[in-house]
Amino acid sequence: MAKKEDLGVKTDDQLATQLGEMKREQFNLRFQTATNQLEKPSRVREVRRTIARIKTLQSARSRDAAKA
């Protein structure tokens, strides 16, 4: 699971790339769940929370940029 500190040092482009990777993984995990092939159910929660962390950081950065 990505920590807030780890994500905070990444650039906006790196965050966007990681968000795309996480969304792709989330799709694959949902597909595995539907076909009963999911090996690690806790990974679904980790990916969902990592996506939320990235989106929160992106929105905070965009707010800060708008204020400046």
C-alpha atoms as a PDB file:
ATOM      1  CA  MET A   1       0.000   0.000   0.000  1.00  0.00           C
ATOM      2  CA  ALA A   2       1.335   3.409  -0.917  1.00  0.00           C
ATOM      3  CA  LYS A   3       1.906   5.714   2.015  1.00  0.00           C
ATOM      4  CA  LYS A   4       1.065   9.398   1.955  1.00  0.00           C
ATOM      5  CA  GLU A   5       4.747  10.275   2.344  1.00  0.00           C
ATOM      6  CA  ASP A   6       5.706   8.097  -0.635  1.00  0.00           C
ATOM      7  CA  LEU A   7       3.079   9.699  -2.830  1.00  0.00           C
ATOM      8  CA  GLY A   8       3.904  13.219  -1.681  1.00  0.00           C
ATOM      9  CA  VAL A   9       7.355  13.199  -3.264  1.00  0.00           C
ATOM     10  CA  LYS A  10       6.085  12.155  -6.703  1.00  0.00           C
ATOM     11  CA  THR A  11       5.429  14.608  -9.496  1.00  0.00           C
ATOM     12  CA  ASP A  12       1.980  15.211 -10.954  1.00  0.00           C
ATOM     13  CA  ASP A  13       2.839  13.111 -14.015  1.00  0.00           C
ATOM     14  CA  GLN A  14       4.043  10.228 -11.875  1.00  0.00           C
ATOM     15  CA  LEU A  15       0.858  10.382  -9.819  1.00  0.00           C
ATOM     16  CA  ALA A  16      -1.281  10.346 -12.959  1.00  0.00           C
ATOM     17  CA  THR A  17       0.631   7.323 -14.254  1.00  0.00           C
ATOM     18  CA  GLN A  18       0.284   5.477 -10.957  1.00  0.00           C
ATOM     19  CA  LEU A  19      -3.423   6.325 -10.828  1.00  0.00           C
ATOM     20  CA  GLY A  20      -3.874   4.756 -14.258  1.00  0.00           C
ATOM     21  CA  GLU A  21      -2.016   1.633 -13.129  1.00  0.00           C
ATOM     22  CA  MET A  22      -4.116   1.390  -9.962  1.00  0.00           C
ATOM     23  CA  LYS A  23      -7.368   1.754 -11.902  1.00  0.00           C
ATOM     24  CA  ARG A  24      -6.250  -0.962 -14.307  1.00  0.00           C
ATOM     25  CA  GLU A  25      -5.390  -3.224 -11.362  1.00  0.00           C
ATOM     26  CA  GLN A  26      -8.749  -2.448  -9.754  1.00  0.00           C
ATOM     27  CA  PHE A  27     -10.506  -3.498 -12.955  1.00  0.00           C
ATOM     28  CA  ASN A  28      -8.529  -6.744 -13.066  1.00  0.00           C
ATOM     29  CA  LEU A  29      -9.311  -7.461  -9.420  1.00  0.00           C
ATOM     30  CA  ARG A  30     -13.025  -6.897 -10.019  1.00  0.00           C
ATOM     31  CA  PHE A  31     -12.847  -9.261 -12.963  1.00  0.00           C
ATOM     32  CA  GLN A  32     -11.104 -11.889 -10.820  1.00  0.00           C
ATOM     33  CA  THR A  33     -13.733 -11.457  -8.119  1.00  0.00           C
ATOM     34  CA  ALA A  34     -16.540 -12.000 -10.621  1.00  0.00           C
ATOM     35  CA  THR A  35     -14.938 -15.206 -11.894  1.00  0.00           C
ATOM     36  CA  ASN A  36     -14.047 -16.443  -8.379  1.00  0.00           C
ATOM     37  CA  GLN A  37     -10.297 -16.402  -9.122  1.00  0.00           C
ATOM     38  CA  LEU A  38      -9.291 -13.747  -6.603  1.00  0.00           C
ATOM     39  CA  GLU A  39      -6.374 -14.982  -4.486  1.00  0.00           C
ATOM     40  CA  LYS A  40      -5.925 -12.021  -2.136  1.00  0.00           C
ATOM     41  CA  PRO A  41      -9.211 -10.259  -1.302  1.00  0.00           C
ATOM     42  CA  SER A  42      -7.454  -7.666   0.862  1.00  0.00           C
ATOM     43  CA  ARG A  43      -5.718  -6.294  -2.237  1.00  0.00           C
ATOM     44  CA  VAL A  44      -9.055  -4.859  -3.432  1.00  0.00           C
ATOM     45  CA  ARG A  45      -9.218  -2.647  -0.344  1.00  0.00           C
ATOM     46  CA  GLU A  46      -5.560  -1.607  -0.644  1.00  0.00           C
ATOM     47  CA  VAL A  47      -5.961  -0.571  -4.274  1.00  0.00           C
ATOM     48  CA  ARG A  48      -9.169   1.341  -3.560  1.00  0.00           C
ATOM     49  CA  ARG A  49      -7.518   3.266  -0.744  1.00  0.00           C
ATOM     50  CA  THR A  50      -4.399   3.988  -2.780  1.00  0.00           C
ATOM     51  CA  ILE A  51      -6.588   5.422  -5.547  1.00  0.00           C
ATOM     52  CA  ALA A  52      -8.320   7.620  -2.971  1.00  0.00           C
ATOM     53  CA  ARG A  53      -4.963   8.823  -1.613  1.00  0.00           C
ATOM     54  CA  ILE A  54      -3.735   9.741  -5.092  1.00  0.00           C
ATOM     55  CA  LYS A  55      -6.948  11.586  -5.959  1.00  0.00           C
ATOM     56  CA  THR A  56      -6.881  13.455  -2.644  1.00  0.00           C
ATOM     57  CA  LEU A  57      -3.286  14.535  -3.220  1.00  0.00           C
ATOM     58  CA  GLN A  58      -4.061  15.624  -6.782  1.00  0.00           C
ATOM     59  CA  SER A  59      -7.029  17.713  -5.691  1.00  0.00           C
ATOM     60  CA  ALA A  60      -5.022  19.322  -2.867  1.00  0.00           C
ATOM     61  CA  ARG A  61      -2.264  20.226  -5.313  1.00  0.00           C
ATOM     62  CA  SER A  62      -4.726  21.696  -7.789  1.00  0.00           C
ATOM     63  CA  ARG A  63      -6.339  23.776  -5.009  1.00  0.00           C
ATOM     64  CA  ASP A  64      -2.942  25.048  -3.931  1.00  0.00           C
ATOM     65  CA  ALA A  65      -2.043  25.926  -7.524  1.00  0.00           C
ATOM     66  CA  ALA A  66      -5.340  27.799  -7.949  1.00  0.00           C
ATOM     67  CA  LYS A  67      -4.682  29.851  -4.826  1.00  0.00           C
ATOM     68  CA  ALA A  68      -1.189  30.848  -5.964  1.00  0.00           C
END
